[in-house]
Amino acid sequence: RDNAKNTVFLQMNSLKPEDTAIYYCAARRTFASGYCPTA
């Protein structure tokens, strides 16, 4: 992520057919510095 540009990136290498999907970016409001949303 680049907080100065308000942007998150996902670099995807060695792509496989099973990676085919619609990809969604999602946000969770938090002030916890170590929180990482997985669900």
PDB file of all heavy atoms in Angstrom:
ATOM      1  N   ARG A   1       0.837  -1.196   0.000  1.00  0.00           N
ATOM      2  CA  ARG A   1       0.000   0.000   0.000  1.00  0.00           C
ATOM      3  C   ARG A   1       0.869   1.241   0.000  1.00  0.00           C
ATOM      4  O   ARG A   1       1.961   1.249   0.565  1.00  0.00           O
ATOM      5  CB  ARG A   1      -0.980   0.005   1.168  1.00  0.00           C
ATOM      6  CG  ARG A   1      -0.380   0.106   2.538  1.00  0.00           C
ATOM      7  CD  ARG A   1      -1.443  -0.133   3.623  1.00  0.00           C
ATOM      8  NE  ARG A   1      -2.424   0.939   3.682  1.00  0.00           N
ATOM      9  CZ  ARG A   1      -3.631   0.823   4.268  1.00  0.00           C
ATOM     10  NH1 ARG A   1      -3.963  -0.313   4.840  1.00  0.00           N
ATOM     11  NH2 ARG A   1      -4.466   1.840   4.301  1.00  0.00           N
ATOM     12  N   ASP A   2       0.327   2.280  -0.606  1.00  0.00           N
ATOM     13  CA  ASP A   2       0.951   3.598  -0.615  1.00  0.00           C
ATOM     14  C   ASP A   2      -0.065   4.556  -0.014  1.00  0.00           C
ATOM     15  O   ASP A   2      -0.983   5.024  -0.696  1.00  0.00           O
ATOM     16  CB  ASP A   2       1.316   3.991  -2.048  1.00  0.00           C
ATOM     17  CG  ASP A   2       2.076   5.308  -2.121  1.00  0.00           C
ATOM     18  OD1 ASP A   2       1.991   6.097  -1.152  1.00  0.00           O
ATOM     19  OD2 ASP A   2       2.721   5.558  -3.140  1.00  0.00           O
ATOM     20  N   ASN A   3       0.078   4.844   1.265  1.00  0.00           N
ATOM     21  CA  ASN A   3      -0.909   5.678   1.946  1.00  0.00           C
ATOM     22  C   ASN A   3      -0.903   7.106   1.430  1.00  0.00           C
ATOM     23  O   ASN A   3      -1.922   7.799   1.506  1.00  0.00           O
ATOM     24  CB  ASN A   3      -0.686   5.642   3.453  1.00  0.00           C
ATOM     25  CG  ASN A   3      -1.200   4.356   4.075  1.00  0.00           C
ATOM     26  OD1 ASN A   3      -1.770   3.502   3.395  1.00  0.00           O
ATOM     27  ND2 ASN A   3      -0.987   4.199   5.367  1.00  0.00           N
ATOM     28  N   ALA A   4       0.205   7.559   0.906  1.00  0.00           N
ATOM     29  CA  ALA A   4       0.266   8.913   0.348  1.00  0.00           C
ATOM     30  C   ALA A   4      -0.581   9.036  -0.915  1.00  0.00           C
ATOM     31  O   ALA A   4      -1.055  10.116  -1.258  1.00  0.00           O
ATOM     32  CB  ALA A   4       1.714   9.282   0.043  1.00  0.00           C
ATOM     33  N   LYS A   5      -0.778   7.899  -1.608  1.00  0.00           N
ATOM     34  CA  LYS A   5      -1.565   7.890  -2.842  1.00  0.00           C
ATOM     35  C   LYS A   5      -2.916   7.206  -2.661  1.00  0.00           C
ATOM     36  O   LYS A   5      -3.636   6.993  -3.638  1.00  0.00           O
ATOM     37  CB  LYS A   5      -0.783   7.201  -3.959  1.00  0.00           C
ATOM     38  CG  LYS A   5       0.495   7.932  -4.344  1.00  0.00           C
ATOM     39  CD  LYS A   5       1.211   7.240  -5.494  1.00  0.00           C
ATOM     40  CE  LYS A   5       2.466   8.006  -5.893  1.00  0.00           C
ATOM     41  NZ  LYS A   5       3.194   7.332  -7.005  1.00  0.00           N
ATOM     42  N   ASN A   6      -3.243   6.835  -1.405  1.00  0.00           N
ATOM     43  CA  ASN A   6      -4.531   6.184  -1.121  1.00  0.00           C
ATOM     44  C   ASN A   6      -4.760   4.962  -2.015  1.00  0.00           C
ATOM     45  O   ASN A   6      -5.871   4.750  -2.525  1.00  0.00           O
ATOM     46  CB  ASN A   6      -5.694   7.172  -1.292  1.00  0.00           C
ATOM     47  CG  ASN A   6      -5.778   8.181  -0.182  1.00  0.00           C
ATOM     48  OD1 ASN A   6      -4.889   8.256   0.669  1.00  0.00           O
ATOM     49  ND2 ASN A   6      -6.819   8.968  -0.179  1.00  0.00           N
ATOM     50  N   THR A   7      -3.737   4.170  -2.185  1.00  0.00           N
ATOM     51  CA  THR A   7      -3.818   3.046  -3.113  1.00  0.00           C
ATOM     52  C   THR A   7      -3.192   1.788  -2.510  1.00  0.00           C
ATOM     53  O   THR A   7      -2.169   1.873  -1.825  1.00  0.00           O
ATOM     54  CB  THR A   7      -3.114   3.377  -4.440  1.00  0.00           C
ATOM     55  OG1 THR A   7      -3.680   4.570  -4.989  1.00  0.00           O
ATOM     56  CG2 THR A   7      -3.294   2.248  -5.450  1.00  0.00           C
ATOM     57  N   VAL A   8      -3.836   0.665  -2.766  1.00  0.00           N
ATOM     58  CA  VAL A   8      -3.305  -0.646  -2.414  1.00  0.00           C
ATOM     59  C   VAL A   8      -3.086  -1.423  -3.700  1.00  0.00           C
ATOM     60  O   VAL A   8      -3.875  -1.309  -4.644  1.00  0.00           O
ATOM     61  CB  VAL A   8      -4.265  -1.401  -1.481  1.00  0.00           C
ATOM     62  CG1 VAL A   8      -3.821  -2.842  -1.275  1.00  0.00           C
ATOM     63  CG2 VAL A   8      -4.365  -0.697  -0.142  1.00  0.00           C
ATOM     64  N   PHE A   9      -2.023  -2.212  -3.710  1.00  0.00           N
ATOM     65  CA  PHE A   9      -1.673  -2.993  -4.892  1.00  0.00           C
ATOM     66  C   PHE A   9      -1.662  -4.480  -4.559  1.00  0.00           C
ATOM     67  O   PHE A   9      -1.365  -4.873  -3.429  1.00  0.00           O
ATOM     68  CB  PHE A   9      -0.296  -2.584  -5.412  1.00  0.00           C
ATOM     69  CG  PHE A   9      -0.160  -1.122  -5.699  1.00  0.00           C
ATOM     70  CD1 PHE A   9       0.416  -0.267  -4.762  1.00  0.00           C
ATOM     71  CD2 PHE A   9      -0.618  -0.587  -6.894  1.00  0.00           C
ATOM     72  CE1 PHE A   9       0.536   1.089  -5.015  1.00  0.00           C
ATOM     73  CE2 PHE A   9      -0.505   0.763  -7.158  1.00  0.00           C
ATOM     74  CZ  PHE A   9       0.072   1.606  -6.212  1.00  0.00           C
ATOM     75  N   LEU A  10      -1.947  -5.280  -5.565  1.00  0.00           N
ATOM     76  CA  LEU A  10      -1.784  -6.734  -5.447  1.00  0.00           C
ATOM     77  C   LEU A  10      -1.013  -7.199  -6.681  1.00  0.00           C
ATOM     78  O   LEU A  10      -1.563  -7.225  -7.777  1.00  0.00           O
ATOM     79  CB  LEU A  10      -3.123  -7.446  -5.348  1.00  0.00           C
ATOM     80  CG  LEU A  10      -3.023  -8.953  -5.087  1.00  0.00           C
ATOM     81  CD1 LEU A  10      -2.492  -9.216  -3.673  1.00  0.00           C
ATOM     82  CD2 LEU A  10      -4.381  -9.638  -5.266  1.00  0.00           C
ATOM     83  N   GLN A  11       0.254  -7.512  -6.475  1.00  0.00           N
ATOM     84  CA  GLN A  11       1.081  -8.040  -7.553  1.00  0.00           C
ATOM     85  C   GLN A  11       0.882  -9.546  -7.619  1.00  0.00           C
ATOM     86  O   GLN A  11       1.116 -10.245  -6.627  1.00  0.00           O
ATOM     87  CB  GLN A  11       2.550  -7.711  -7.306  1.00  0.00           C
ATOM     88  CG  GLN A  11       3.500  -8.267  -8.348  1.00  0.00           C
ATOM     89  CD  GLN A  11       3.309  -7.617  -9.706  1.00  0.00           C
ATOM     90  OE1 GLN A  11       3.152  -6.397  -9.800  1.00  0.00           O
ATOM     91  NE2 GLN A  11       3.337  -8.416 -10.769  1.00  0.00           N
ATOM     92  N   MET A  12       0.451 -10.022  -8.772  1.00  0.00           N
ATOM     93  CA  MET A  12       0.146 -11.442  -8.930  1.00  0.00           C
ATOM     94  C   MET A  12       1.067 -12.042  -9.981  1.00  0.00           C
ATOM     95  O   MET A  12       1.025 -11.639 -11.155  1.00  0.00           O
ATOM     96  CB  MET A  12      -1.323 -11.618  -9.348  1.00  0.00           C
ATOM     97  CG  MET A  12      -2.299 -10.936  -8.416  1.00  0.00           C
ATOM     98  SD  MET A  12      -4.025 -11.318  -8.786  1.00  0.00           S
ATOM     99  CE  MET A  12      -4.183 -10.608 -10.409  1.00  0.00           C
ATOM    100  N   ASN A  13       1.896 -12.959  -9.556  1.00  0.00           N
ATOM    101  CA  ASN A  13       2.840 -13.624 -10.445  1.00  0.00           C
ATOM    102  C   ASN A  13       2.523 -15.109 -10.553  1.00  0.00           C
ATOM    103  O   ASN A  13       1.773 -15.656  -9.737  1.00  0.00           O
ATOM    104  CB  ASN A  13       4.266 -13.438  -9.926  1.00  0.00           C
ATOM    105  CG  ASN A  13       4.703 -11.987  -9.869  1.00  0.00           C
ATOM    106  OD1 ASN A  13       4.273 -11.163 -10.689  1.00  0.00           O
ATOM    107  ND2 ASN A  13       5.566 -11.675  -8.915  1.00  0.00           N
ATOM    108  N   SER A  14       3.102 -15.752 -11.551  1.00  0.00           N
ATOM    109  CA  SER A  14       2.919 -17.201 -11.755  1.00  0.00           C
ATOM    110  C   SER A  14       1.445 -17.580 -11.707  1.00  0.00           C
ATOM    111  O   SER A  14       1.050 -18.535 -11.025  1.00  0.00           O
ATOM    112  CB  SER A  14       3.702 -17.986 -10.685  1.00  0.00           C
ATOM    113  OG  SER A  14       5.079 -17.663 -10.730  1.00  0.00           O
ATOM    114  N   LEU A  15       0.644 -16.848 -12.430  1.00  0.00           N
ATOM    115  CA  LEU A  15      -0.800 -17.056 -12.379  1.00  0.00           C
ATOM    116  C   LEU A  15      -1.195 -18.410 -12.955  1.00  0.00           C
ATOM    117  O   LEU A  15      -0.576 -18.918 -13.903  1.00  0.00           O
ATOM    118  CB  LEU A  15      -1.521 -15.931 -13.116  1.00  0.00           C
ATOM    119  CG  LEU A  15      -1.591 -14.617 -12.333  1.00  0.00           C
ATOM    120  CD1 LEU A  15      -1.883 -13.447 -13.234  1.00  0.00           C
ATOM    121  CD2 LEU A  15      -2.636 -14.719 -11.232  1.00  0.00           C
ATOM    122  N   LYS A  16      -2.233 -18.982 -12.356  1.00  0.00           N
ATOM    123  CA  LYS A  16      -2.737 -20.293 -12.736  1.00  0.00           C
ATOM    124  C   LYS A  16      -4.197 -20.170 -13.173  1.00  0.00           C
ATOM    125  O   LYS A  16      -4.882 -19.237 -12.756  1.00  0.00           O
ATOM    126  CB  LYS A  16      -2.657 -21.243 -11.542  1.00  0.00           C
ATOM    127  CG  LYS A  16      -1.286 -21.360 -10.909  1.00  0.00           C
ATOM    128  CD  LYS A  16      -1.346 -22.212  -9.647  1.00  0.00           C
ATOM    129  CE  LYS A  16       0.007 -22.323  -8.975  1.00  0.00           C
ATOM    130  NZ  LYS A  16      -0.058 -23.143  -7.741  1.00  0.00           N
ATOM    131  N   PRO A  17      -4.687 -21.105 -13.966  1.00  0.00           N
ATOM    132  CA  PRO A  17      -6.102 -21.054 -14.356  1.00  0.00           C
ATOM    133  C   PRO A  17      -7.045 -20.993 -13.157  1.00  0.00           C
ATOM    134  O   PRO A  17      -8.095 -20.338 -13.230  1.00  0.00           O
ATOM    135  CB  PRO A  17      -6.286 -22.345 -15.160  1.00  0.00           C
ATOM    136  CG  PRO A  17      -4.940 -22.613 -15.739  1.00  0.00           C
ATOM    137  CD  PRO A  17      -3.967 -22.172 -14.680  1.00  0.00           C
ATOM    138  N   GLU A  18      -6.670 -21.628 -12.057  1.00  0.00           N
ATOM    139  CA  GLU A  18      -7.537 -21.608 -10.868  1.00  0.00           C
ATOM    140  C   GLU A  18      -7.554 -20.256 -10.163  1.00  0.00           C
ATOM    141  O   GLU A  18      -8.314 -20.056  -9.215  1.00  0.00           O
ATOM    142  CB  GLU A  18      -7.133 -22.711  -9.876  1.00  0.00           C
ATOM    143  CG  GLU A  18      -5.668 -22.734  -9.524  1.00  0.00           C
ATOM    144  CD  GLU A  18      -4.894 -23.748 -10.354  1.00  0.00           C
ATOM    145  OE1 GLU A  18      -5.120 -23.809 -11.594  1.00  0.00           O
ATOM    146  OE2 GLU A  18      -4.049 -24.461  -9.777  1.00  0.00           O
ATOM    147  N   ASP A  19      -6.731 -19.315 -10.619  1.00  0.00           N
ATOM    148  CA  ASP A  19      -6.794 -17.950 -10.087  1.00  0.00           C
ATOM    149  C   ASP A  19      -7.888 -17.127 -10.766  1.00  0.00           C
ATOM    150  O   ASP A  19      -8.154 -16.002 -10.374  1.00  0.00           O
ATOM    151  CB  ASP A  19      -5.449 -17.242 -10.275  1.00  0.00           C
ATOM    152  CG  ASP A  19      -4.345 -17.843  -9.438  1.00  0.00           C
ATOM    153  OD1 ASP A  19      -4.596 -18.182  -8.266  1.00  0.00           O
ATOM    154  OD2 ASP A  19      -3.217 -17.979  -9.959  1.00  0.00           O
ATOM    155  N   THR A  20      -8.512 -17.690 -11.785  1.00  0.00           N
ATOM    156  CA  THR A  20      -9.579 -16.984 -12.490  1.00  0.00           C
ATOM    157  C   THR A  20     -10.738 -16.693 -11.547  1.00  0.00           C
ATOM    158  O   THR A  20     -11.275 -17.599 -10.914  1.00  0.00           O
ATOM    159  CB  THR A  20     -10.067 -17.820 -13.683  1.00  0.00           C
ATOM    160  OG1 THR A  20      -9.004 -17.951 -14.630  1.00  0.00           O
ATOM    161  CG2 THR A  20     -11.260 -17.163 -14.356  1.00  0.00           C
ATOM    162  N   ALA A  21     -11.110 -15.416 -11.469  1.00  0.00           N
ATOM    163  CA  ALA A  21     -12.167 -14.992 -10.541  1.00  0.00           C
ATOM    164  C   ALA A  21     -12.382 -13.489 -10.699  1.00  0.00           C
ATOM    165  O   ALA A  21     -11.616 -12.810 -11.377  1.00  0.00           O
ATOM    166  CB  ALA A  21     -11.780 -15.314  -9.099  1.00  0.00           C
ATOM    167  N   ILE A  22     -13.417 -13.001 -10.034  1.00  0.00           N
ATOM    168  CA  ILE A  22     -13.564 -11.558  -9.845  1.00  0.00           C
ATOM    169  C   ILE A  22     -12.837 -11.208  -8.551  1.00  0.00           C
ATOM    170  O   ILE A  22     -13.065 -11.842  -7.515  1.00  0.00           O
ATOM    171  CB  ILE A  22     -15.040 -11.145  -9.764  1.00  0.00           C
ATOM    172  CG1 ILE A  22     -15.759 -11.508 -11.061  1.00  0.00           C
ATOM    173  CG2 ILE A  22     -15.151  -9.638  -9.509  1.00  0.00           C
ATOM    174  CD1 ILE A  22     -17.257 -11.249 -11.022  1.00  0.00           C
ATOM    175  N   TYR A  23     -11.980 -10.223  -8.636  1.00  0.00           N
ATOM    176  CA  TYR A  23     -11.181  -9.804  -7.491  1.00  0.00           C
ATOM    177  C   TYR A  23     -11.753  -8.509  -6.912  1.00  0.00           C
ATOM    178  O   TYR A  23     -11.998  -7.541  -7.640  1.00  0.00           O
ATOM    179  CB  TYR A  23      -9.728  -9.613  -7.901  1.00  0.00           C
ATOM    180  CG  TYR A  23      -8.995 -10.927  -8.067  1.00  0.00           C
ATOM    181  CD1 TYR A  23      -9.309 -11.790  -9.111  1.00  0.00           C
ATOM    182  CD2 TYR A  23      -8.017 -11.316  -7.168  1.00  0.00           C
ATOM    183  CE1 TYR A  23      -8.668 -13.007  -9.254  1.00  0.00           C
ATOM    184  CE2 TYR A  23      -7.357 -12.535  -7.295  1.00  0.00           C
ATOM    185  CZ  TYR A  23      -7.690 -13.364  -8.344  1.00  0.00           C
ATOM    186  OH  TYR A  23      -7.050 -14.578  -8.485  1.00  0.00           O
ATOM    187  N   TYR A  24     -11.939  -8.519  -5.600  1.00  0.00           N
ATOM    188  CA  TYR A  24     -12.530  -7.388  -4.893  1.00  0.00           C
ATOM    189  C   TYR A  24     -11.550  -6.811  -3.884  1.00  0.00           C
ATOM    190  O   TYR A  24     -10.914  -7.548  -3.134  1.00  0.00           O
ATOM    191  CB  TYR A  24     -13.780  -7.811  -4.145  1.00  0.00           C
ATOM    192  CG  TYR A  24     -14.903  -8.328  -5.017  1.00  0.00           C
ATOM    193  CD1 TYR A  24     -15.009  -9.680  -5.310  1.00  0.00           C
ATOM    194  CD2 TYR A  24     -15.863  -7.459  -5.531  1.00  0.00           C
ATOM    195  CE1 TYR A  24     -16.034 -10.163  -6.109  1.00  0.00           C
ATOM    196  CE2 TYR A  24     -16.899  -7.924  -6.321  1.00  0.00           C
ATOM    197  CZ  TYR A  24     -16.975  -9.278  -6.607  1.00  0.00           C
ATOM    198  OH  TYR A  24     -17.998  -9.746  -7.387  1.00  0.00           O
ATOM    199  N   CYS A  25     -11.506  -5.507  -3.861  1.00  0.00           N
ATOM    200  CA  CYS A  25     -10.805  -4.785  -2.809  1.00  0.00           C
ATOM    201  C   CYS A  25     -11.826  -4.452  -1.730  1.00  0.00           C
ATOM    202  O   CYS A  25     -12.982  -4.124  -2.039  1.00  0.00           O
ATOM    203  CB  CYS A  25     -10.212  -3.516  -3.422  1.00  0.00           C
ATOM    204  SG  CYS A  25      -9.496  -2.363  -2.253  1.00  0.00           S
ATOM    205  N   ALA A  26     -11.415  -4.530  -0.468  1.00  0.00           N
ATOM    206  CA  ALA A  26     -12.348  -4.302   0.628  1.00  0.00           C
ATOM    207  C   ALA A  26     -11.649  -3.610   1.781  1.00  0.00           C
ATOM    208  O   ALA A  26     -10.446  -3.811   1.994  1.00  0.00           O
ATOM    209  CB  ALA A  26     -12.923  -5.639   1.090  1.00  0.00           C
ATOM    210  N   ALA A  27     -12.405  -2.829   2.525  1.00  0.00           N
ATOM    211  CA  ALA A  27     -11.822  -2.050   3.619  1.00  0.00           C
ATOM    212  C   ALA A  27     -12.552  -2.291   4.930  1.00  0.00           C
ATOM    213  O   ALA A  27     -13.772  -2.461   4.961  1.00  0.00           O
ATOM    214  CB  ALA A  27     -11.860  -0.567   3.281  1.00  0.00           C
ATOM    215  N   ARG A  28     -11.779  -2.278   5.997  1.00  0.00           N
ATOM    216  CA  ARG A  28     -12.327  -2.377   7.346  1.00  0.00           C
ATOM    217  C   ARG A  28     -11.769  -1.215   8.161  1.00  0.00           C
ATOM    218  O   ARG A  28     -10.548  -1.047   8.260  1.00  0.00           O
ATOM    219  CB  ARG A  28     -11.935  -3.707   7.983  1.00  0.00           C
ATOM    220  CG  ARG A  28     -12.129  -3.791   9.489  1.00  0.00           C
ATOM    221  CD  ARG A  28     -13.588  -3.753   9.898  1.00  0.00           C
ATOM    222  NE  ARG A  28     -13.730  -3.743  11.346  1.00  0.00           N
ATOM    223  CZ  ARG A  28     -14.131  -4.776  12.068  1.00  0.00           C
ATOM    224  NH1 ARG A  28     -14.427  -5.919  11.476  1.00  0.00           N
ATOM    225  NH2 ARG A  28     -14.222  -4.682  13.359  1.00  0.00           N
ATOM    226  N   ARG A  29     -12.657  -0.418   8.711  1.00  0.00           N
ATOM    227  CA  ARG A  29     -12.217   0.696   9.550  1.00  0.00           C
ATOM    228  C   ARG A  29     -11.586   0.145  10.825  1.00  0.00           C
ATOM    229  O   ARG A  29     -12.188  -0.679  11.508  1.00  0.00           O
ATOM    230  CB  ARG A  29     -13.383   1.596   9.905  1.00  0.00           C
ATOM    231  CG  ARG A  29     -13.898   2.429   8.748  1.00  0.00           C
ATOM    232  CD  ARG A  29     -14.868   3.486   9.252  1.00  0.00           C
ATOM    233  NE  ARG A  29     -15.414   4.303   8.183  1.00  0.00           N
ATOM    234  CZ  ARG A  29     -14.821   5.378   7.692  1.00  0.00           C
ATOM    235  NH1 ARG A  29     -13.650   5.750   8.161  1.00  0.00           N
ATOM    236  NH2 ARG A  29     -15.401   6.078   6.729  1.00  0.00           N
ATOM    237  N   THR A  30     -10.382   0.611  11.123  1.00  0.00           N
ATOM    238  CA  THR A  30      -9.723   0.168  12.351  1.00  0.00           C
ATOM    239  C   THR A  30      -8.581   1.100  12.685  1.00  0.00           C
ATOM    240  O   THR A  30      -7.928   1.645  11.791  1.00  0.00           O
ATOM    241  CB  THR A  30      -9.191  -1.264  12.211  1.00  0.00           C
ATOM    242  OG1 THR A  30      -8.559  -1.652  13.439  1.00  0.00           O
ATOM    243  CG2 THR A  30      -8.151  -1.372  11.093  1.00  0.00           C
ATOM    244  N   PHE A  31      -8.339   1.287  13.973  1.00  0.00           N
ATOM    245  CA  PHE A  31      -7.162   2.011  14.432  1.00  0.00           C
ATOM    246  C   PHE A  31      -6.144   1.058  15.051  1.00  0.00           C
ATOM    247  O   PHE A  31      -5.114   1.494  15.567  1.00  0.00           O
ATOM    248  CB  PHE A  31      -7.565   3.111  15.415  1.00  0.00           C
ATOM    249  CG  PHE A  31      -8.317   4.234  14.759  1.00  0.00           C
ATOM    250  CD1 PHE A  31      -9.691   4.327  14.895  1.00  0.00           C
ATOM    251  CD2 PHE A  31      -7.659   5.170  13.986  1.00  0.00           C
ATOM    252  CE1 PHE A  31     -10.392   5.354  14.282  1.00  0.00           C
ATOM    253  CE2 PHE A  31      -8.349   6.196  13.370  1.00  0.00           C
ATOM    254  CZ  PHE A  31      -9.723   6.294  13.521  1.00  0.00           C
ATOM    255  N   ALA A  32      -6.459  -0.231  14.974  1.00  0.00           N
ATOM    256  CA  ALA A  32      -5.518  -1.243  15.469  1.00  0.00           C
ATOM    257  C   ALA A  32      -4.437  -1.445  14.413  1.00  0.00           C
ATOM    258  O   ALA A  32      -4.729  -1.881  13.295  1.00  0.00           O
ATOM    259  CB  ALA A  32      -6.255  -2.551  15.742  1.00  0.00           C
ATOM    260  N   SER A  33      -3.195  -1.164  14.775  1.00  0.00           N
ATOM    261  CA  SER A  33      -2.125  -1.147  13.786  1.00  0.00           C
ATOM    262  C   SER A  33      -1.828  -2.508  13.192  1.00  0.00           C
ATOM    263  O   SER A  33      -1.309  -2.603  12.087  1.00  0.00           O
ATOM    264  CB  SER A  33      -0.856  -0.555  14.403  1.00  0.00           C
ATOM    265  OG  SER A  33      -0.451  -1.353  15.499  1.00  0.00           O
ATOM    266  N   GLY A  34      -2.146  -3.594  13.927  1.00  0.00           N
ATOM    267  CA  GLY A  34      -1.805  -4.912  13.420  1.00  0.00           C
ATOM    268  C   GLY A  34      -2.969  -5.674  12.829  1.00  0.00           C
ATOM    269  O   GLY A  34      -2.834  -6.838  12.458  1.00  0.00           O
ATOM    270  N   TYR A  35      -4.115  -5.022  12.691  1.00  0.00           N
ATOM    271  CA  TYR A  35      -5.305  -5.732  12.227  1.00  0.00           C
ATOM    272  C   TYR A  35      -5.274  -5.920  10.723  1.00  0.00           C
ATOM    273  O   TYR A  35      -4.972  -5.003   9.963  1.00  0.00           O
ATOM    274  CB  TYR A  35      -6.577  -4.978  12.626  1.00  0.00           C
ATOM    275  CG  TYR A  35      -7.826  -5.692  12.185  1.00  0.00           C
ATOM    276  CD1 TYR A  35      -8.311  -6.787  12.896  1.00  0.00           C
ATOM    277  CD2 TYR A  35      -8.506  -5.301  11.037  1.00  0.00           C
ATOM    278  CE1 TYR A  35      -9.443  -7.459  12.480  1.00  0.00           C
ATOM    279  CE2 TYR A  35      -9.638  -5.969  10.616  1.00  0.00           C
ATOM    280  CZ  TYR A  35     -10.097  -7.040  11.339  1.00  0.00           C
ATOM    281  OH  TYR A  35     -11.210  -7.728  10.917  1.00  0.00           O
ATOM    282  N   CYS A  36      -5.655  -7.128  10.295  1.00  0.00           N
ATOM    283  CA  CYS A  36      -5.608  -7.497   8.879  1.00  0.00           C
ATOM    284  C   CYS A  36      -6.874  -8.300   8.576  1.00  0.00           C
ATOM    285  O   CYS A  36      -7.025  -9.405   9.083  1.00  0.00           O
ATOM    286  CB  CYS A  36      -4.347  -8.340   8.636  1.00  0.00           C
ATOM    287  SG  CYS A  36      -3.888  -8.594   6.922  1.00  0.00           S
ATOM    288  N   PRO A  37      -7.809  -7.768   7.799  1.00  0.00           N
ATOM    289  CA  PRO A  37      -9.086  -8.449   7.595  1.00  0.00           C
ATOM    290  C   PRO A  37      -8.986  -9.630   6.637  1.00  0.00           C
ATOM    291  O   PRO A  37      -8.575  -9.491   5.491  1.00  0.00           O
ATOM    292  CB  PRO A  37      -9.969  -7.347   7.002  1.00  0.00           C
ATOM    293  CG  PRO A  37      -9.013  -6.443   6.297  1.00  0.00           C
ATOM    294  CD  PRO A  37      -7.747  -6.487   7.103  1.00  0.00           C
ATOM    295  N   THR A  38      -9.371 -10.810   7.111  1.00  0.00           N
ATOM    296  CA  THR A  38      -9.308 -11.999   6.275  1.00  0.00           C
ATOM    297  C   THR A  38     -10.678 -12.590   5.974  1.00  0.00           C
ATOM    298  O   THR A  38     -10.805 -13.439   5.097  1.00  0.00           O
ATOM    299  CB  THR A  38      -8.453 -13.080   6.954  1.00  0.00           C
ATOM    300  OG1 THR A  38      -9.022 -13.380   8.239  1.00  0.00           O
ATOM    301  CG2 THR A  38      -7.023 -12.600   7.151  1.00  0.00           C
ATOM    302  N   ALA A  39     -11.700 -12.160   6.683  1.00  0.00           N
ATOM    303  CA  ALA A  39     -13.036 -12.720   6.502  1.00  0.00           C
ATOM    304  C   ALA A  39     -13.984 -11.675   5.943  1.00  0.00           C
ATOM    305  O   ALA A  39     -13.974 -10.519   6.367  1.00  0.00           O
ATOM    306  CB  ALA A  39     -13.571 -13.246   7.833  1.00  0.00           C
TER     307      ALA A  39
END
